[in-house]
Amino acid sequence: MKLIGRCACLAAVLLIAALVIPAASFGAIDEIKMDGQAESKKKAGVGVVTFPHARHKKSFKCAECHPKIFKDTLGANRINMKENMDGKFCGSLNCHTGRKAFALFMCEKCHVIVKGAVKK
């Protein structure tokens, strides 16, 4: 009976940890597919964005982006181009402004499909 009680207790602790600790903190996410706002993207002629998390982790420390720019819970950031262009998220002064990394107007760098874009 004691063993069953301990197993149940351990299972409860693991379940709580899985619900509370964000997945990104385990380092398991290499790419994040951002396919929200489908209608808006379709209207703009752009496709899904795949964020290369692993590539960014090689160049930056987690604390540079989390939680200052991005919440560290998968799916918690409602990223959109208006806010990017207003200097939030990827458009933050420390990110994609053209100084440190390519500018936000280089749509094909992030979006899979860009209507009329010339691929290099």
C-alpha atoms as a PDB file:
ATOM      1  CA  MET A   1       0.000   0.000   0.000  1.00  0.00           C
ATOM      2  CA  LYS A   2       2.840   2.403   0.792  1.00  0.00           C
ATOM      3  CA  LEU A   3       4.398   1.796  -2.648  1.00  0.00           C
ATOM      4  CA  ILE A   4       1.131   2.636  -4.411  1.00  0.00           C
ATOM      5  CA  GLY A   5       0.837   5.827  -2.368  1.00  0.00           C
ATOM      6  CA  ARG A   6       4.395   6.871  -3.267  1.00  0.00           C
ATOM      7  CA  CYS A   7       3.813   6.133  -6.966  1.00  0.00           C
ATOM      8  CA  ALA A   8       0.612   8.175  -6.933  1.00  0.00           C
ATOM      9  CA  CYS A   9       2.415  11.034  -5.202  1.00  0.00           C
ATOM     10  CA  LEU A  10       5.297  10.935  -7.713  1.00  0.00           C
ATOM     11  CA  ALA A  11       2.836  10.831 -10.612  1.00  0.00           C
ATOM     12  CA  ALA A  12       1.038  13.886  -9.216  1.00  0.00           C
ATOM     13  CA  VAL A  13       4.307  15.817  -8.836  1.00  0.00           C
ATOM     14  CA  LEU A  14       5.348  14.960 -12.404  1.00  0.00           C
ATOM     15  CA  LEU A  15       1.955  16.004 -13.743  1.00  0.00           C
ATOM     16  CA  ILE A  16       2.107  19.341 -11.926  1.00  0.00           C
ATOM     17  CA  ALA A  17       5.666  19.928 -13.200  1.00  0.00           C
ATOM     18  CA  ALA A  18       4.594  19.160 -16.773  1.00  0.00           C
ATOM     19  CA  LEU A  19       1.756  21.679 -16.509  1.00  0.00           C
ATOM     20  CA  VAL A  20       3.747  24.437 -14.805  1.00  0.00           C
ATOM     21  CA  ILE A  21       7.218  24.248 -16.355  1.00  0.00           C
ATOM     22  CA  PRO A  22       7.193  25.544 -19.941  1.00  0.00           C
ATOM     23  CA  ALA A  23       8.294  23.088 -22.629  1.00  0.00           C
ATOM     24  CA  ALA A  24      10.900  25.529 -23.958  1.00  0.00           C
ATOM     25  CA  SER A  25      12.778  25.350 -20.654  1.00  0.00           C
ATOM     26  CA  PHE A  26      13.623  21.732 -21.375  1.00  0.00           C
ATOM     27  CA  GLY A  27      15.476  22.754 -24.556  1.00  0.00           C
ATOM     28  CA  ALA A  28      13.474  20.241 -26.584  1.00  0.00           C
ATOM     29  CA  ILE A  29      12.058  22.702 -29.094  1.00  0.00           C
ATOM     30  CA  ASP A  30      14.266  23.350 -32.123  1.00  0.00           C
ATOM     31  CA  GLU A  31      11.665  24.961 -34.383  1.00  0.00           C
ATOM     32  CA  ILE A  32       8.378  26.606 -33.575  1.00  0.00           C
ATOM     33  CA  LYS A  33       5.720  26.680 -36.293  1.00  0.00           C
ATOM     34  CA  MET A  34       3.644  29.840 -36.050  1.00  0.00           C
ATOM     35  CA  ASP A  35       0.524  29.259 -38.111  1.00  0.00           C
ATOM     36  CA  GLY A  36      -1.993  31.427 -36.300  1.00  0.00           C
ATOM     37  CA  GLN A  37      -3.894  34.293 -37.908  1.00  0.00           C
ATOM     38  CA  ALA A  38      -4.360  32.216 -41.093  1.00  0.00           C
ATOM     39  CA  GLU A  39      -6.937  34.549 -42.658  1.00  0.00           C
ATOM     40  CA  SER A  40      -4.771  37.623 -42.086  1.00  0.00           C
ATOM     41  CA  LYS A  41      -1.705  35.887 -43.542  1.00  0.00           C
ATOM     42  CA  LYS A  42      -3.686  34.721 -46.569  1.00  0.00           C
ATOM     43  CA  LYS A  43      -4.921  38.278 -47.198  1.00  0.00           C
ATOM     44  CA  ALA A  44      -1.339  39.595 -46.967  1.00  0.00           C
ATOM     45  CA  GLY A  45      -0.085  36.850 -49.303  1.00  0.00           C
ATOM     46  CA  VAL A  46       2.254  35.336 -46.742  1.00  0.00           C
ATOM     47  CA  GLY A  47       2.484  31.845 -45.330  1.00  0.00           C
ATOM     48  CA  VAL A  48       3.392  30.149 -42.098  1.00  0.00           C
ATOM     49  CA  VAL A  49       6.460  31.231 -40.127  1.00  0.00           C
ATOM     50  CA  THR A  50       8.826  28.627 -38.733  1.00  0.00           C
ATOM     51  CA  PHE A  51      10.918  30.112 -35.952  1.00  0.00           C
ATOM     52  CA  PRO A  52      14.378  28.481 -35.698  1.00  0.00           C
ATOM     53  CA  HIS A  53      14.628  28.362 -31.899  1.00  0.00           C
ATOM     54  CA  ALA A  54      17.785  26.197 -31.918  1.00  0.00           C
ATOM     55  CA  ARG A  55      19.625  28.683 -34.141  1.00  0.00           C
ATOM     56  CA  HIS A  56      18.705  31.570 -31.862  1.00  0.00           C
ATOM     57  CA  LYS A  57      19.793  29.593 -28.762  1.00  0.00           C
ATOM     58  CA  LYS A  58      23.301  29.296 -30.261  1.00  0.00           C
ATOM     59  CA  SER A  59      23.662  33.076 -30.463  1.00  0.00           C
ATOM     60  CA  PHE A  60      21.683  34.350 -27.489  1.00  0.00           C
ATOM     61  CA  LYS A  61      21.120  33.528 -23.845  1.00  0.00           C
ATOM     62  CA  CYS A  62      17.542  32.609 -22.893  1.00  0.00           C
ATOM     63  CA  ALA A  63      17.269  35.639 -20.585  1.00  0.00           C
ATOM     64  CA  GLU A  64      17.853  38.031 -23.500  1.00  0.00           C
ATOM     65  CA  CYS A  65      14.406  37.135 -24.870  1.00  0.00           C
ATOM     66  CA  HIS A  66      12.553  35.373 -22.041  1.00  0.00           C
ATOM     67  CA  PRO A  67      10.509  36.775 -20.382  1.00  0.00           C
ATOM     68  CA  LYS A  68      11.409  40.334 -21.501  1.00  0.00           C
ATOM     69  CA  ILE A  69      10.287  39.964 -25.133  1.00  0.00           C
ATOM     70  CA  PHE A  70       8.596  36.561 -25.252  1.00  0.00           C
ATOM     71  CA  LYS A  71       6.665  34.663 -22.606  1.00  0.00           C
ATOM     72  CA  ASP A  72       8.458  31.362 -22.126  1.00  0.00           C
ATOM     73  CA  THR A  73       5.353  29.229 -22.504  1.00  0.00           C
ATOM     74  CA  LEU A  74       4.680  27.692 -25.886  1.00  0.00           C
ATOM     75  CA  GLY A  75       1.652  29.317 -27.534  1.00  0.00           C
ATOM     76  CA  ALA A  76       1.469  32.226 -25.060  1.00  0.00           C
ATOM     77  CA  ASN A  77       2.779  34.874 -27.468  1.00  0.00           C
ATOM     78  CA  ARG A  78       0.222  36.257 -29.925  1.00  0.00           C
ATOM     79  CA  ILE A  79       2.789  37.589 -32.392  1.00  0.00           C
ATOM     80  CA  ASN A  80       1.534  39.690 -35.298  1.00  0.00           C
ATOM     81  CA  MET A  81       3.177  41.964 -37.840  1.00  0.00           C
ATOM     82  CA  LYS A  82       1.608  45.164 -36.525  1.00  0.00           C
ATOM     83  CA  GLU A  83       3.196  44.612 -33.121  1.00  0.00           C
ATOM     84  CA  ASN A  84       6.469  43.512 -34.749  1.00  0.00           C
ATOM     85  CA  MET A  85       6.533  46.744 -36.769  1.00  0.00           C
ATOM     86  CA  ASP A  86       5.712  48.689 -33.586  1.00  0.00           C
ATOM     87  CA  GLY A  87       8.948  47.394 -32.018  1.00  0.00           C
ATOM     88  CA  LYS A  88       7.586  44.422 -30.104  1.00  0.00           C
ATOM     89  CA  PHE A  89       8.496  40.739 -30.401  1.00  0.00           C
ATOM     90  CA  CYS A  90      10.878  40.145 -33.350  1.00  0.00           C
ATOM     91  CA  GLY A  91      10.818  43.868 -34.159  1.00  0.00           C
ATOM     92  CA  SER A  92      12.341  44.735 -30.795  1.00  0.00           C
ATOM     93  CA  LEU A  93      15.249  47.182 -30.914  1.00  0.00           C
ATOM     94  CA  ASN A  94      17.577  44.291 -30.083  1.00  0.00           C
ATOM     95  CA  CYS A  95      16.394  42.046 -32.927  1.00  0.00           C
ATOM     96  CA  HIS A  96      15.231  42.344 -36.529  1.00  0.00           C
ATOM     97  CA  THR A  97      15.609  46.050 -37.255  1.00  0.00           C
ATOM     98  CA  GLY A  98      18.329  45.742 -39.884  1.00  0.00           C
ATOM     99  CA  ARG A  99      21.110  46.639 -37.442  1.00  0.00           C
ATOM    100  CA  LYS A 100      21.675  43.327 -35.643  1.00  0.00           C
ATOM    101  CA  ALA A 101      19.757  41.008 -37.948  1.00  0.00           C
ATOM    102  CA  PHE A 102      17.847  41.283 -41.225  1.00  0.00           C
ATOM    103  CA  ALA A 103      14.998  43.790 -41.209  1.00  0.00           C
ATOM    104  CA  LEU A 104      11.337  42.839 -40.876  1.00  0.00           C
ATOM    105  CA  PHE A 105      10.502  43.960 -44.417  1.00  0.00           C
ATOM    106  CA  MET A 106      12.499  40.986 -45.760  1.00  0.00           C
ATOM    107  CA  CYS A 107       9.325  38.882 -45.570  1.00  0.00           C
ATOM    108  CA  GLU A 108      10.690  35.783 -47.316  1.00  0.00           C
ATOM    109  CA  LYS A 109      13.276  35.321 -44.551  1.00  0.00           C
ATOM    110  CA  CYS A 110      10.508  34.192 -42.176  1.00  0.00           C
ATOM    111  CA  HIS A 111       7.379  33.451 -44.171  1.00  0.00           C
ATOM    112  CA  VAL A 112       7.251  30.241 -46.224  1.00  0.00           C
ATOM    113  CA  ILE A 113       5.197  31.765 -49.065  1.00  0.00           C
ATOM    114  CA  VAL A 114       5.307  35.389 -50.137  1.00  0.00           C
ATOM    115  CA  LYS A 115       3.190  36.478 -53.071  1.00  0.00           C
ATOM    116  CA  GLY A 116       5.434  38.119 -55.684  1.00  0.00           C
ATOM    117  CA  ALA A 117       8.642  37.748 -53.668  1.00  0.00           C
ATOM    118  CA  VAL A 118      11.814  37.019 -55.570  1.00  0.00           C
ATOM    119  CA  LYS A 119      13.698  34.112 -53.996  1.00  0.00           C
ATOM    120  CA  LYS A 120      17.490  34.421 -53.945  1.00  0.00           C
END
